[in-house]
Amino acid sequence: ADILGLEPGPVMTWTDMRALILEPDRELAQAIVEASLERK
């Protein structure tokens, strides 16, 4: 939470958290996570 500038605990959805990622990095970060989900 300190790193992200948020409160600790359950504070936001993963969808909202992804919106914090800067636009130039967002698509690549999402693709990497989605690929790991598919491959488990």
ModelCIF file with pLDDT and N, C-alpha, C, O atoms, coordinates in Angstrom:
data_MODEL
#
_entry.id   MODEL 
#
_entity.id                         1 
_entity.type                       polymer 
_entity.pdbx_number_of_molecules   1 
#
_entity_poly.entity_id                      1 
_entity_poly.type                           'polypeptide(L)' 
_entity_poly.nstd_linkage                   no 
_entity_poly.nstd_monomer                   no 
_entity_poly.pdbx_seq_one_letter_code       ADILGLEPGPVMTWTDMRALILEPDRELAQAIVEASLERK 
_entity_poly.pdbx_seq_one_letter_code_can   ADILGLEPGPVMTWTDMRALILEPDRELAQAIVEASLERK 
_entity_poly.pdbx_strand_id                 A 
#
loop_
_entity_poly_seq.entity_id 
_entity_poly_seq.num 
_entity_poly_seq.mon_id 
_entity_poly_seq.hetero 
1 1  ALA n 
1 2  ASP n 
1 3  ILE n 
1 4  LEU n 
1 5  GLY n 
1 6  LEU n 
1 7  GLU n 
1 8  PRO n 
1 9  GLY n 
1 10 PRO n 
1 11 VAL n 
1 12 MET n 
1 13 THR n 
1 14 TRP n 
1 15 THR n 
1 16 ASP n 
1 17 MET n 
1 18 ARG n 
1 19 ALA n 
1 20 LEU n 
1 21 ILE n 
1 22 LEU n 
1 23 GLU n 
1 24 PRO n 
1 25 ASP n 
1 26 ARG n 
1 27 GLU n 
1 28 LEU n 
1 29 ALA n 
1 30 GLN n 
1 31 ALA n 
1 32 ILE n 
1 33 VAL n 
1 34 GLU n 
1 35 ALA n 
1 36 SER n 
1 37 LEU n 
1 38 GLU n 
1 39 ARG n 
1 40 LYS n 
#
_struct_asym.id          A 
_struct_asym.entity_id   1 
#
loop_
_ma_qa_metric.id 
_ma_qa_metric.mode 
_ma_qa_metric.name 
_ma_qa_metric.software_group_id 
_ma_qa_metric.type 
1 global pLDDT . pLDDT 
2 local  pLDDT . pLDDT 
#
_ma_qa_metric_global.metric_id      1 
_ma_qa_metric_global.metric_value   90.42 
_ma_qa_metric_global.model_id       1 
_ma_qa_metric_global.ordinal_id     1 
#
loop_
_ma_qa_metric_local.label_asym_id 
_ma_qa_metric_local.label_comp_id 
_ma_qa_metric_local.label_seq_id 
_ma_qa_metric_local.metric_id 
_ma_qa_metric_local.metric_value 
_ma_qa_metric_local.model_id 
_ma_qa_metric_local.ordinal_id 
A ALA 1  2 90.00 1 1  
A ASP 2  2 90.00 1 2  
A ILE 3  2 90.00 1 3  
A LEU 4  2 90.00 1 4  
A GLY 5  2 89.00 1 5  
A LEU 6  2 89.00 1 6  
A GLU 7  2 85.00 1 7  
A PRO 8  2 86.00 1 8  
A GLY 9  2 84.00 1 9  
A PRO 10 2 79.00 1 10 
A VAL 11 2 80.00 1 11 
A MET 12 2 88.00 1 12 
A THR 13 2 92.00 1 13 
A TRP 14 2 87.00 1 14 
A THR 15 2 88.00 1 15 
A ASP 16 2 90.00 1 16 
A MET 17 2 88.00 1 17 
A ARG 18 2 90.00 1 18 
A ALA 19 2 93.00 1 19 
A LEU 20 2 94.00 1 20 
A ILE 21 2 96.00 1 21 
A LEU 22 2 97.00 1 22 
A GLU 23 2 95.00 1 23 
A PRO 24 2 95.00 1 24 
A ASP 25 2 97.00 1 25 
A ARG 26 2 95.00 1 26 
A GLU 27 2 95.00 1 27 
A LEU 28 2 95.00 1 28 
A ALA 29 2 94.00 1 29 
A GLN 30 2 92.00 1 30 
A ALA 31 2 94.00 1 31 
A ILE 32 2 94.00 1 32 
A VAL 33 2 90.00 1 33 
A GLU 34 2 89.00 1 34 
A ALA 35 2 92.00 1 35 
A SER 36 2 91.00 1 36 
A LEU 37 2 87.00 1 37 
A GLU 38 2 88.00 1 38 
A ARG 39 2 90.00 1 39 
A LYS 40 2 89.00 1 40 
#
loop_
_atom_site.group_PDB 
_atom_site.id 
_atom_site.type_symbol 
_atom_site.label_atom_id 
_atom_site.label_alt_id 
_atom_site.label_comp_id 
_atom_site.label_asym_id 
_atom_site.label_entity_id 
_atom_site.label_seq_id 
_atom_site.pdbx_PDB_ins_code 
_atom_site.Cartn_x 
_atom_site.Cartn_y 
_atom_site.Cartn_z 
_atom_site.occupancy 
_atom_site.B_iso_or_equiv 
_atom_site.pdbx_formal_charge 
_atom_site.auth_seq_id 
_atom_site.auth_comp_id 
_atom_site.auth_asym_id 
_atom_site.auth_atom_id 
_atom_site.pdbx_PDB_model_num 
ATOM 1   N N  . ALA A 1 1  ? 0.830   -1.203  0.000   1.00 90.00 ? 1  ALA A N  1 
ATOM 2   C CA . ALA A 1 1  ? 0.000   0.000   0.000   1.00 90.00 ? 1  ALA A CA 1 
ATOM 3   C C  . ALA A 1 1  ? 0.867   1.257   0.000   1.00 90.00 ? 1  ALA A C  1 
ATOM 4   O O  . ALA A 1 1  ? 0.569   2.225   -0.701  1.00 90.00 ? 1  ALA A O  1 
ATOM 5   N N  . ASP A 1 2  ? 1.937   1.236   0.789   1.00 90.00 ? 2  ASP A N  1 
ATOM 6   C CA . ASP A 1 2  ? 2.850   2.373   0.849   1.00 90.00 ? 2  ASP A CA 1 
ATOM 7   C C  . ASP A 1 2  ? 3.502   2.619   -0.514  1.00 90.00 ? 2  ASP A C  1 
ATOM 8   O O  . ASP A 1 2  ? 3.590   3.764   -0.958  1.00 90.00 ? 2  ASP A O  1 
ATOM 9   N N  . ILE A 1 3  ? 3.950   1.571   -1.169  1.00 90.00 ? 3  ILE A N  1 
ATOM 10  C CA . ILE A 1 3  ? 4.572   1.685   -2.487  1.00 90.00 ? 3  ILE A CA 1 
ATOM 11  C C  . ILE A 1 3  ? 3.593   2.303   -3.487  1.00 90.00 ? 3  ILE A C  1 
ATOM 12  O O  . ILE A 1 3  ? 3.965   3.175   -4.271  1.00 90.00 ? 3  ILE A O  1 
ATOM 13  N N  . LEU A 1 4  ? 2.354   1.848   -3.451  1.00 90.00 ? 4  LEU A N  1 
ATOM 14  C CA . LEU A 1 4  ? 1.342   2.301   -4.408  1.00 90.00 ? 4  LEU A CA 1 
ATOM 15  C C  . LEU A 1 4  ? 0.673   3.612   -4.021  1.00 90.00 ? 4  LEU A C  1 
ATOM 16  O O  . LEU A 1 4  ? -0.048  4.201   -4.826  1.00 90.00 ? 4  LEU A O  1 
ATOM 17  N N  . GLY A 1 5  ? 0.906   4.075   -2.794  1.00 89.00 ? 5  GLY A N  1 
ATOM 18  C CA . GLY A 1 5  ? 0.267   5.302   -2.338  1.00 89.00 ? 5  GLY A CA 1 
ATOM 19  C C  . GLY A 1 5  ? -1.195  5.105   -1.992  1.00 89.00 ? 5  GLY A C  1 
ATOM 20  O O  . GLY A 1 5  ? -2.016  6.001   -2.191  1.00 89.00 ? 5  GLY A O  1 
ATOM 21  N N  . LEU A 1 6  ? -1.521  3.926   -1.470  1.00 89.00 ? 6  LEU A N  1 
ATOM 22  C CA . LEU A 1 6  ? -2.894  3.588   -1.112  1.00 89.00 ? 6  LEU A CA 1 
ATOM 23  C C  . LEU A 1 6  ? -2.967  3.156   0.347   1.00 89.00 ? 6  LEU A C  1 
ATOM 24  O O  . LEU A 1 6  ? -1.938  3.052   1.014   1.00 89.00 ? 6  LEU A O  1 
ATOM 25  N N  . GLU A 1 7  ? -4.158  2.907   0.842   1.00 85.00 ? 7  GLU A N  1 
ATOM 26  C CA . GLU A 1 7  ? -4.352  2.378   2.183   1.00 85.00 ? 7  GLU A CA 1 
ATOM 27  C C  . GLU A 1 7  ? -4.172  0.859   2.146   1.00 85.00 ? 7  GLU A C  1 
ATOM 28  O O  . GLU A 1 7  ? -4.500  0.231   1.140   1.00 85.00 ? 7  GLU A O  1 
ATOM 29  N N  . PRO A 1 8  ? -3.656  0.255   3.226   1.00 86.00 ? 8  PRO A N  1 
ATOM 30  C CA . PRO A 1 8  ? -3.571  -1.211  3.259   1.00 86.00 ? 8  PRO A CA 1 
ATOM 31  C C  . PRO A 1 8  ? -4.954  -1.834  3.372   1.00 86.00 ? 8  PRO A C  1 
ATOM 32  O O  . PRO A 1 8  ? -5.920  -1.181  3.767   1.00 86.00 ? 8  PRO A O  1 
ATOM 33  N N  . GLY A 1 9  ? -5.028  -3.106  3.019   1.00 84.00 ? 9  GLY A N  1 
ATOM 34  C CA . GLY A 1 9  ? -6.289  -3.835  3.108   1.00 84.00 ? 9  GLY A CA 1 
ATOM 35  C C  . GLY A 1 9  ? -6.969  -3.900  1.755   1.00 84.00 ? 9  GLY A C  1 
ATOM 36  O O  . GLY A 1 9  ? -6.349  -3.617  0.730   1.00 84.00 ? 9  GLY A O  1 
ATOM 37  N N  . PRO A 1 10 ? -8.250  -4.274  1.748   1.00 79.00 ? 10 PRO A N  1 
ATOM 38  C CA . PRO A 1 10 ? -9.003  -4.351  0.485   1.00 79.00 ? 10 PRO A CA 1 
ATOM 39  C C  . PRO A 1 10 ? -9.475  -2.961  0.072   1.00 79.00 ? 10 PRO A C  1 
ATOM 40  O O  . PRO A 1 10 ? -10.472 -2.467  0.599   1.00 79.00 ? 10 PRO A O  1 
ATOM 41  N N  . VAL A 1 11 ? -8.777  -2.328  -0.858  1.00 80.00 ? 11 VAL A N  1 
ATOM 42  C CA . VAL A 1 11 ? -9.060  -0.924  -1.167  1.00 80.00 ? 11 VAL A CA 1 
ATOM 43  C C  . VAL A 1 11 ? -9.606  -0.653  -2.550  1.00 80.00 ? 11 VAL A C  1 
ATOM 44  O O  . VAL A 1 11 ? -10.246 0.378   -2.759  1.00 80.00 ? 11 VAL A O  1 
ATOM 45  N N  . MET A 1 12 ? -9.377  -1.542  -3.505  1.00 88.00 ? 12 MET A N  1 
ATOM 46  C CA . MET A 1 12 ? -9.864  -1.298  -4.855  1.00 88.00 ? 12 MET A CA 1 
ATOM 47  C C  . MET A 1 12 ? -9.921  -2.605  -5.623  1.00 88.00 ? 12 MET A C  1 
ATOM 48  O O  . MET A 1 12 ? -9.398  -3.629  -5.186  1.00 88.00 ? 12 MET A O  1 
ATOM 49  N N  . THR A 1 13 ? -10.565 -2.546  -6.770  1.00 92.00 ? 13 THR A N  1 
ATOM 50  C CA . THR A 1 13 ? -10.621 -3.732  -7.609  1.00 92.00 ? 13 THR A CA 1 
ATOM 51  C C  . THR A 1 13 ? -9.337  -3.826  -8.429  1.00 92.00 ? 13 THR A C  1 
ATOM 52  O O  . THR A 1 13 ? -8.617  -2.843  -8.605  1.00 92.00 ? 13 THR A O  1 
ATOM 53  N N  . TRP A 1 14 ? -9.070  -5.041  -8.928  1.00 87.00 ? 14 TRP A N  1 
ATOM 54  C CA . TRP A 1 14 ? -7.917  -5.244  -9.801  1.00 87.00 ? 14 TRP A CA 1 
ATOM 55  C C  . TRP A 1 14 ? -8.099  -4.405  -11.080 1.00 87.00 ? 14 TRP A C  1 
ATOM 56  O O  . TRP A 1 14 ? -7.124  -3.890  -11.625 1.00 87.00 ? 14 TRP A O  1 
ATOM 57  N N  . THR A 1 15 ? -9.326  -4.273  -11.547 1.00 88.00 ? 15 THR A N  1 
ATOM 58  C CA . THR A 1 15 ? -9.606  -3.452  -12.724 1.00 88.00 ? 15 THR A CA 1 
ATOM 59  C C  . THR A 1 15 ? -9.185  -2.008  -12.469 1.00 88.00 ? 15 THR A C  1 
ATOM 60  O O  . THR A 1 15 ? -8.545  -1.390  -13.320 1.00 88.00 ? 15 THR A O  1 
ATOM 61  N N  . ASP A 1 16 ? -9.540  -1.463  -11.297 1.00 90.00 ? 16 ASP A N  1 
ATOM 62  C CA . ASP A 1 16 ? -9.156  -0.096  -10.945 1.00 90.00 ? 16 ASP A CA 1 
ATOM 63  C C  . ASP A 1 16 ? -7.646  0.017   -10.732 1.00 90.00 ? 16 ASP A C  1 
ATOM 64  O O  . ASP A 1 16 ? -7.038  1.022   -11.100 1.00 90.00 ? 16 ASP A O  1 
ATOM 65  N N  . MET A 1 17 ? -7.043  -1.015  -10.136 1.00 88.00 ? 17 MET A N  1 
ATOM 66  C CA . MET A 1 17 ? -5.609  -0.982  -9.887  1.00 88.00 ? 17 MET A CA 1 
ATOM 67  C C  . MET A 1 17 ? -4.827  -0.959  -11.203 1.00 88.00 ? 17 MET A C  1 
ATOM 68  O O  . MET A 1 17 ? -3.819  -0.261  -11.314 1.00 88.00 ? 17 MET A O  1 
ATOM 69  N N  . ARG A 1 18 ? -5.289  -1.717  -12.197 1.00 90.00 ? 18 ARG A N  1 
ATOM 70  C CA . ARG A 1 18 ? -4.634  -1.702  -13.516 1.00 90.00 ? 18 ARG A CA 1 
ATOM 71  C C  . ARG A 1 18 ? -4.666  -0.307  -14.122 1.00 90.00 ? 18 ARG A C  1 
ATOM 72  O O  . ARG A 1 18 ? -3.765  0.057   -14.878 1.00 90.00 ? 18 ARG A O  1 
ATOM 73  N N  . ALA A 1 19 ? -5.688  0.475   -13.804 1.00 93.00 ? 19 ALA A N  1 
ATOM 74  C CA . ALA A 1 19 ? -5.792  1.827   -14.346 1.00 93.00 ? 19 ALA A CA 1 
ATOM 75  C C  . ALA A 1 19 ? -4.682  2.742   -13.821 1.00 93.00 ? 19 ALA A C  1 
ATOM 76  O O  . ALA A 1 19 ? -4.421  3.789   -14.415 1.00 93.00 ? 19 ALA A O  1 
ATOM 77  N N  . LEU A 1 20 ? -4.023  2.364   -12.715 1.00 94.00 ? 20 LEU A N  1 
ATOM 78  C CA . LEU A 1 20 ? -2.902  3.146   -12.200 1.00 94.00 ? 20 LEU A CA 1 
ATOM 79  C C  . LEU A 1 20 ? -1.658  2.996   -13.078 1.00 94.00 ? 20 LEU A C  1 
ATOM 80  O O  . LEU A 1 20 ? -0.780  3.860   -13.070 1.00 94.00 ? 20 LEU A O  1 
ATOM 81  N N  . ILE A 1 21 ? -1.585  1.893   -13.838 1.00 96.00 ? 21 ILE A N  1 
ATOM 82  C CA . ILE A 1 21 ? -0.427  1.643   -14.696 1.00 96.00 ? 21 ILE A CA 1 
ATOM 83  C C  . ILE A 1 21 ? -0.430  2.662   -15.830 1.00 96.00 ? 21 ILE A C  1 
ATOM 84  O O  . ILE A 1 21 ? -1.459  2.898   -16.464 1.00 96.00 ? 21 ILE A O  1 
ATOM 85  N N  . LEU A 1 22 ? 0.733   3.263   -16.078 1.00 97.00 ? 22 LEU A N  1 
ATOM 86  C CA . LEU A 1 22 ? 0.821   4.241   -17.159 1.00 97.00 ? 22 LEU A CA 1 
ATOM 87  C C  . LEU A 1 22 ? 0.483   3.595   -18.495 1.00 97.00 ? 22 LEU A C  1 
ATOM 88  O O  . LEU A 1 22 ? 0.837   2.444   -18.751 1.00 97.00 ? 22 LEU A O  1 
ATOM 89  N N  . GLU A 1 23 ? -0.195  4.342   -19.327 1.00 95.00 ? 23 GLU A N  1 
ATOM 90  C CA . GLU A 1 23 ? -0.680  3.834   -20.616 1.00 95.00 ? 23 GLU A CA 1 
ATOM 91  C C  . GLU A 1 23 ? 0.400   3.128   -21.442 1.00 95.00 ? 23 GLU A C  1 
ATOM 92  O O  . GLU A 1 23 ? 0.123   2.062   -21.992 1.00 95.00 ? 23 GLU A O  1 
ATOM 93  N N  . PRO A 1 24 ? 1.624   3.675   -21.556 1.00 95.00 ? 24 PRO A N  1 
ATOM 94  C CA . PRO A 1 24 ? 2.622   2.979   -22.378 1.00 95.00 ? 24 PRO A CA 1 
ATOM 95  C C  . PRO A 1 24 ? 3.000   1.585   -21.856 1.00 95.00 ? 24 PRO A C  1 
ATOM 96  O O  . PRO A 1 24 ? 3.497   0.757   -22.620 1.00 95.00 ? 24 PRO A O  1 
ATOM 97  N N  . ASP A 1 25 ? 2.771   1.323   -20.568 1.00 97.00 ? 25 ASP A N  1 
ATOM 98  C CA . ASP A 1 25 ? 3.152   0.046   -19.959 1.00 97.00 ? 25 ASP A CA 1 
ATOM 99  C C  . ASP A 1 25 ? 1.972   -0.907  -19.772 1.00 97.00 ? 25 ASP A C  1 
ATOM 100 O O  . ASP A 1 25 ? 2.170   -2.107  -19.576 1.00 97.00 ? 25 ASP A O  1 
ATOM 101 N N  . ARG A 1 26 ? 0.764   -0.389  -19.830 1.00 95.00 ? 26 ARG A N  1 
ATOM 102 C CA . ARG A 1 26 ? -0.428  -1.147  -19.439 1.00 95.00 ? 26 ARG A CA 1 
ATOM 103 C C  . ARG A 1 26 ? -0.675  -2.383  -20.302 1.00 95.00 ? 26 ARG A C  1 
ATOM 104 O O  . ARG A 1 26 ? -0.934  -3.465  -19.774 1.00 95.00 ? 26 ARG A O  1 
ATOM 105 N N  . GLU A 1 27 ? -0.598  -2.230  -21.614 1.00 95.00 ? 27 GLU A N  1 
ATOM 106 C CA . GLU A 1 27 ? -0.909  -3.343  -22.515 1.00 95.00 ? 27 GLU A CA 1 
ATOM 107 C C  . GLU A 1 27 ? 0.081   -4.499  -22.329 1.00 95.00 ? 27 GLU A C  1 
ATOM 108 O O  . GLU A 1 27 ? -0.326  -5.660  -22.270 1.00 95.00 ? 27 GLU A O  1 
ATOM 109 N N  . LEU A 1 28 ? 1.372   -4.185  -22.238 1.00 95.00 ? 28 LEU A N  1 
ATOM 110 C CA . LEU A 1 28 ? 2.372   -5.230  -22.051 1.00 95.00 ? 28 LEU A CA 1 
ATOM 111 C C  . LEU A 1 28 ? 2.179   -5.938  -20.708 1.00 95.00 ? 28 LEU A C  1 
ATOM 112 O O  . LEU A 1 28 ? 2.232   -7.166  -20.643 1.00 95.00 ? 28 LEU A O  1 
ATOM 113 N N  . ALA A 1 29 ? 1.955   -5.162  -19.627 1.00 94.00 ? 29 ALA A N  1 
ATOM 114 C CA . ALA A 1 29 ? 1.768   -5.763  -18.301 1.00 94.00 ? 29 ALA A CA 1 
ATOM 115 C C  . ALA A 1 29 ? 0.556   -6.693  -18.309 1.00 94.00 ? 29 ALA A C  1 
ATOM 116 O O  . ALA A 1 29 ? 0.623   -7.797  -17.769 1.00 94.00 ? 29 ALA A O  1 
ATOM 117 N N  . GLN A 1 30 ? -0.532  -6.267  -18.906 1.00 92.00 ? 30 GLN A N  1 
ATOM 118 C CA . GLN A 1 30 ? -1.733  -7.097  -18.948 1.00 92.00 ? 30 GLN A CA 1 
ATOM 119 C C  . GLN A 1 30 ? -1.495  -8.351  -19.770 1.00 92.00 ? 30 GLN A C  1 
ATOM 120 O O  . GLN A 1 30 ? -1.951  -9.429  -19.389 1.00 92.00 ? 30 GLN A O  1 
ATOM 121 N N  . ALA A 1 31 ? -0.788  -8.233  -20.892 1.00 94.00 ? 31 ALA A N  1 
ATOM 122 C CA . ALA A 1 31 ? -0.513  -9.399  -21.737 1.00 94.00 ? 31 ALA A CA 1 
ATOM 123 C C  . ALA A 1 31 ? 0.340   -10.429 -20.997 1.00 94.00 ? 31 ALA A C  1 
ATOM 124 O O  . ALA A 1 31 ? 0.111   -11.632 -21.124 1.00 94.00 ? 31 ALA A O  1 
ATOM 125 N N  . ILE A 1 32 ? 1.317   -9.964  -20.229 1.00 94.00 ? 32 ILE A N  1 
ATOM 126 C CA . ILE A 1 32 ? 2.179   -10.881 -19.472 1.00 94.00 ? 32 ILE A CA 1 
ATOM 127 C C  . ILE A 1 32 ? 1.372   -11.619 -18.415 1.00 94.00 ? 32 ILE A C  1 
ATOM 128 O O  . ILE A 1 32 ? 1.517   -12.832 -18.257 1.00 94.00 ? 32 ILE A O  1 
ATOM 129 N N  . VAL A 1 33 ? 0.523   -10.899 -17.691 1.00 90.00 ? 33 VAL A N  1 
ATOM 130 C CA . VAL A 1 33 ? -0.293  -11.530 -16.649 1.00 90.00 ? 33 VAL A CA 1 
ATOM 131 C C  . VAL A 1 33 ? -1.293  -12.506 -17.275 1.00 90.00 ? 33 VAL A C  1 
ATOM 132 O O  . VAL A 1 33 ? -1.465  -13.618 -16.776 1.00 90.00 ? 33 VAL A O  1 
ATOM 133 N N  . GLU A 1 34 ? -1.947  -12.102 -18.354 1.00 89.00 ? 34 GLU A N  1 
ATOM 134 C CA . GLU A 1 34 ? -2.926  -12.992 -18.998 1.00 89.00 ? 34 GLU A CA 1 
ATOM 135 C C  . GLU A 1 34 ? -2.263  -14.256 -19.539 1.00 89.00 ? 34 GLU A C  1 
ATOM 136 O O  . GLU A 1 34 ? -2.844  -15.338 -19.455 1.00 89.00 ? 34 GLU A O  1 
ATOM 137 N N  . ALA A 1 35 ? -1.056  -14.135 -20.092 1.00 92.00 ? 35 ALA A N  1 
ATOM 138 C CA . ALA A 1 35 ? -0.333  -15.315 -20.586 1.00 92.00 ? 35 ALA A CA 1 
ATOM 139 C C  . ALA A 1 35 ? -0.005  -16.262 -19.435 1.00 92.00 ? 35 ALA A C  1 
ATOM 140 O O  . ALA A 1 35 ? -0.074  -17.481 -19.594 1.00 92.00 ? 35 ALA A O  1 
ATOM 141 N N  . SER A 1 36 ? 0.351   -15.706 -18.276 1.00 91.00 ? 36 SER A N  1 
ATOM 142 C CA . SER A 1 36 ? 0.661   -16.566 -17.126 1.00 91.00 ? 36 SER A CA 1 
ATOM 143 C C  . SER A 1 36 ? -0.596  -17.275 -16.620 1.00 91.00 ? 36 SER A C  1 
ATOM 144 O O  . SER A 1 36 ? -0.522  -18.412 -16.153 1.00 91.00 ? 36 SER A O  1 
ATOM 145 N N  . LEU A 1 37 ? -1.749  -16.607 -16.712 1.00 87.00 ? 37 LEU A N  1 
ATOM 146 C CA . LEU A 1 37 ? -3.002  -17.248 -16.315 1.00 87.00 ? 37 LEU A CA 1 
ATOM 147 C C  . LEU A 1 37 ? -3.308  -18.434 -17.229 1.00 87.00 ? 37 LEU A C  1 
ATOM 148 O O  . LEU A 1 37 ? -3.711  -19.498 -16.760 1.00 87.00 ? 37 LEU A O  1 
ATOM 149 N N  . GLU A 1 38 ? -3.118  -18.248 -18.514 1.00 88.00 ? 38 GLU A N  1 
ATOM 150 C CA . GLU A 1 38 ? -3.378  -19.330 -19.461 1.00 88.00 ? 38 GLU A CA 1 
ATOM 151 C C  . GLU A 1 38 ? -2.436  -20.511 -19.238 1.00 88.00 ? 38 GLU A C  1 
ATOM 152 O O  . GLU A 1 38 ? -2.853  -21.668 -19.305 1.00 88.00 ? 38 GLU A O  1 
ATOM 153 N N  . ARG A 1 39 ? -1.165  -20.214 -18.974 1.00 90.00 ? 39 ARG A N  1 
ATOM 154 C CA . ARG A 1 39 ? -0.166  -21.268 -18.781 1.00 90.00 ? 39 ARG A CA 1 
ATOM 155 C C  . ARG A 1 39 ? -0.175  -21.823 -17.360 1.00 90.00 ? 39 ARG A C  1 
ATOM 156 O O  . ARG A 1 39 ? 0.444   -22.850 -17.082 1.00 90.00 ? 39 ARG A O  1 
ATOM 157 N N  . LYS A 1 40 ? -0.888  -21.128 -16.456 1.00 89.00 ? 40 LYS A N  1 
ATOM 158 C CA . LYS A 1 40 ? -0.866  -21.478 -15.028 1.00 89.00 ? 40 LYS A CA 1 
ATOM 159 C C  . LYS A 1 40 ? 0.569   -21.511 -14.522 1.00 89.00 ? 40 LYS A C  1 
ATOM 160 O O  . LYS A 1 40 ? 0.803   -21.786 -13.345 1.00 89.00 ? 40 LYS A O  1 
#
